[in-house]
Amino acid sequence: MPRYLIRASYSVEGVKGLLSKGGTARRDAIREAVASVGGTLEAFYFAFGDDDAIILCDMPDHASAAAVSLAAGAGGGVSSTSTTVLLSPEEIDRASEIHAAYRPPGS
């Protein structure tokens, strides 16, 4: 199952909700959202800096990951999200065995 790293920044509404219900409620809501598309939440952390939340999860496919991101965005609690597809070392091994035909610019 593909693994994803999701970074989220809260909107003002999201921060108010976080202050009202706490961090564990937010983690549980994300766990439920990921599970609703057939995925599993591996880790959820709050962070300082540009990102307020860092999420690591497995989801069945890219469409499922996009559905969770769209739902979070439509809910108004986040001002931005960024989703990164993660590759295992074994997937990189397989990729290194595939020889793509590529011609660099100017050649």
C-alpha atoms as a PDB file:
ATOM      1  CA  MET A   1       0.000   0.000   0.000  1.00  0.00           C
ATOM      2  CA  PRO A   2       1.451   3.418  -0.899  1.00  0.00           C
ATOM      3  CA  ARG A   3       2.743   5.527   1.980  1.00  0.00           C
ATOM      4  CA  TYR A   4       2.256   9.283   2.245  1.00  0.00           C
ATOM      5  CA  LEU A   5       3.713  12.148   4.229  1.00  0.00           C
ATOM      6  CA  ILE A   6       1.119  14.875   4.719  1.00  0.00           C
ATOM      7  CA  ARG A   7       1.962  18.330   6.043  1.00  0.00           C
ATOM      8  CA  ALA A   8      -0.863  20.616   7.108  1.00  0.00           C
ATOM      9  CA  SER A   9      -1.170  24.177   8.342  1.00  0.00           C
ATOM     10  CA  TYR A  10      -4.207  25.157  10.350  1.00  0.00           C
ATOM     11  CA  SER A  11      -6.506  28.026   9.516  1.00  0.00           C
ATOM     12  CA  VAL A  12      -7.747  30.317  12.293  1.00  0.00           C
ATOM     13  CA  GLU A  13     -10.863  28.129  12.514  1.00  0.00           C
ATOM     14  CA  GLY A  14      -8.670  25.038  12.812  1.00  0.00           C
ATOM     15  CA  VAL A  15      -6.632  26.528  15.649  1.00  0.00           C
ATOM     16  CA  LYS A  16      -9.825  27.442  17.497  1.00  0.00           C
ATOM     17  CA  GLY A  17     -11.073  23.878  17.113  1.00  0.00           C
ATOM     18  CA  LEU A  18      -7.739  22.510  18.291  1.00  0.00           C
ATOM     19  CA  LEU A  19      -7.838  24.722  21.376  1.00  0.00           C
ATOM     20  CA  SER A  20     -11.410  23.650  22.049  1.00  0.00           C
ATOM     21  CA  LYS A  21     -11.065  19.877  21.634  1.00  0.00           C
ATOM     22  CA  GLY A  22      -7.340  19.186  21.941  1.00  0.00           C
ATOM     23  CA  GLY A  23      -4.702  17.392  19.945  1.00  0.00           C
ATOM     24  CA  THR A  24      -5.835  13.813  20.527  1.00  0.00           C
ATOM     25  CA  ALA A  25      -9.272  14.606  19.099  1.00  0.00           C
ATOM     26  CA  ARG A  26      -7.615  15.930  15.940  1.00  0.00           C
ATOM     27  CA  ARG A  27      -5.406  12.833  15.652  1.00  0.00           C
ATOM     28  CA  ASP A  28      -8.442  10.591  16.093  1.00  0.00           C
ATOM     29  CA  ALA A  29     -10.380  12.505  13.416  1.00  0.00           C
ATOM     30  CA  ILE A  30      -7.504  12.067  10.964  1.00  0.00           C
ATOM     31  CA  ARG A  31      -7.255   8.363  11.835  1.00  0.00           C
ATOM     32  CA  GLU A  32     -10.977   7.996  11.060  1.00  0.00           C
ATOM     33  CA  ALA A  33     -10.656   9.886   7.761  1.00  0.00           C
ATOM     34  CA  VAL A  34      -7.728   7.743   6.631  1.00  0.00           C
ATOM     35  CA  ALA A  35      -9.508   4.542   7.712  1.00  0.00           C
ATOM     36  CA  SER A  36     -12.658   5.598   5.837  1.00  0.00           C
ATOM     37  CA  VAL A  37     -10.758   5.237   2.531  1.00  0.00           C
ATOM     38  CA  GLY A  38      -9.149   1.942   3.550  1.00  0.00           C
ATOM     39  CA  GLY A  39      -5.887   3.340   4.923  1.00  0.00           C
ATOM     40  CA  THR A  40      -4.021   3.305   8.211  1.00  0.00           C
ATOM     41  CA  LEU A  41      -2.513   6.148  10.214  1.00  0.00           C
ATOM     42  CA  GLU A  42       1.060   5.376  11.251  1.00  0.00           C
ATOM     43  CA  ALA A  43       2.005   8.644  12.954  1.00  0.00           C
ATOM     44  CA  PHE A  44       0.553  12.068  13.727  1.00  0.00           C
ATOM     45  CA  TYR A  45       2.634  14.881  15.188  1.00  0.00           C
ATOM     46  CA  PHE A  46       2.187  18.576  15.814  1.00  0.00           C
ATOM     47  CA  ALA A  47       5.130  20.789  14.858  1.00  0.00           C
ATOM     48  CA  PHE A  48       6.546  24.277  15.119  1.00  0.00           C
ATOM     49  CA  GLY A  49       7.243  26.219  11.929  1.00  0.00           C
ATOM     50  CA  ASP A  50       5.450  26.333   8.594  1.00  0.00           C
ATOM     51  CA  ASP A  51       3.659  23.034   9.205  1.00  0.00           C
ATOM     52  CA  ASP A  52       1.311  22.594  12.158  1.00  0.00           C
ATOM     53  CA  ALA A  53       0.741  18.865  11.690  1.00  0.00           C
ATOM     54  CA  ILE A  54       2.852  16.081  10.198  1.00  0.00           C
ATOM     55  CA  ILE A  55       1.032  12.873   9.253  1.00  0.00           C
ATOM     56  CA  LEU A  56       2.431   9.554   8.053  1.00  0.00           C
ATOM     57  CA  CYS A  57      -0.106   7.102   6.643  1.00  0.00           C
ATOM     58  CA  ASP A  58      -0.703   4.265   4.210  1.00  0.00           C
ATOM     59  CA  MET A  59      -3.595   4.550   1.765  1.00  0.00           C
ATOM     60  CA  PRO A  60      -4.766   2.254  -1.031  1.00  0.00           C
ATOM     61  CA  ASP A  61      -3.924   4.641  -3.866  1.00  0.00           C
ATOM     62  CA  HIS A  62      -3.378   8.247  -4.900  1.00  0.00           C
ATOM     63  CA  ALA A  63      -7.098   8.864  -5.400  1.00  0.00           C
ATOM     64  CA  SER A  64      -7.753   7.853  -1.780  1.00  0.00           C
ATOM     65  CA  ALA A  65      -4.998  10.198  -0.583  1.00  0.00           C
ATOM     66  CA  ALA A  66      -6.481  12.995  -2.681  1.00  0.00           C
ATOM     67  CA  ALA A  67      -9.943  12.320  -1.228  1.00  0.00           C
ATOM     68  CA  VAL A  68      -8.644  12.749   2.325  1.00  0.00           C
ATOM     69  CA  SER A  69      -6.820  15.938   1.344  1.00  0.00           C
ATOM     70  CA  LEU A  70      -9.930  17.342  -0.368  1.00  0.00           C
ATOM     71  CA  ALA A  71     -12.104  16.526   2.638  1.00  0.00           C
ATOM     72  CA  ALA A  72      -9.665  18.232   5.003  1.00  0.00           C
ATOM     73  CA  GLY A  73      -9.467  21.295   2.786  1.00  0.00           C
ATOM     74  CA  ALA A  74     -13.234  21.531   2.378  1.00  0.00           C
ATOM     75  CA  GLY A  75     -13.729  21.342   6.144  1.00  0.00           C
ATOM     76  CA  GLY A  76     -12.138  24.771   6.602  1.00  0.00           C
ATOM     77  CA  GLY A  77      -9.782  23.721   9.409  1.00  0.00           C
ATOM     78  CA  VAL A  78      -6.617  23.775   7.327  1.00  0.00           C
ATOM     79  CA  SER A  79      -5.221  26.619   5.290  1.00  0.00           C
ATOM     80  CA  SER A  80      -2.864  24.411   3.278  1.00  0.00           C
ATOM     81  CA  THR A  81      -1.786  20.816   2.864  1.00  0.00           C
ATOM     82  CA  SER A  82       1.082  19.150   1.092  1.00  0.00           C
ATOM     83  CA  THR A  83       1.114  15.437   0.296  1.00  0.00           C
ATOM     84  CA  THR A  84       4.328  13.606  -0.581  1.00  0.00           C
ATOM     85  CA  VAL A  85       4.366  10.062  -1.946  1.00  0.00           C
ATOM     86  CA  LEU A  86       7.042   8.073  -0.100  1.00  0.00           C
ATOM     87  CA  LEU A  87       9.083   5.287  -1.679  1.00  0.00           C
ATOM     88  CA  SER A  88      10.711   2.403   0.171  1.00  0.00           C
ATOM     89  CA  PRO A  89      14.354   1.453  -0.431  1.00  0.00           C
ATOM     90  CA  GLU A  90      13.078  -1.665  -2.211  1.00  0.00           C
ATOM     91  CA  GLU A  91      11.014   0.460  -4.589  1.00  0.00           C
ATOM     92  CA  ILE A  92      14.103   2.514  -5.404  1.00  0.00           C
ATOM     93  CA  ASP A  93      15.998  -0.747  -6.041  1.00  0.00           C
ATOM     94  CA  ARG A  94      13.302  -1.753  -8.544  1.00  0.00           C
ATOM     95  CA  ALA A  95      13.329   1.705 -10.125  1.00  0.00           C
ATOM     96  CA  SER A  96      17.100   1.568 -10.562  1.00  0.00           C
ATOM     97  CA  GLU A  97      16.682  -1.614 -12.616  1.00  0.00           C
ATOM     98  CA  ILE A  98      14.337   0.095 -15.084  1.00  0.00           C
ATOM     99  CA  HIS A  99      16.246   1.904 -17.794  1.00  0.00           C
ATOM    100  CA  ALA A 100      14.211   4.797 -19.131  1.00  0.00           C
ATOM    101  CA  ALA A 101      15.153   6.221 -22.520  1.00  0.00           C
ATOM    102  CA  TYR A 102      15.993   9.853 -21.882  1.00  0.00           C
ATOM    103  CA  ARG A 103      17.781  12.473 -23.954  1.00  0.00           C
ATOM    104  CA  PRO A 104      19.019  15.526 -22.033  1.00  0.00           C
ATOM    105  CA  PRO A 105      18.306  19.019 -23.406  1.00  0.00           C
ATOM    106  CA  GLY A 106      20.768  20.099 -26.060  1.00  0.00           C
ATOM    107  CA  SER A 107      21.866  16.599 -27.023  1.00  0.00           C
END
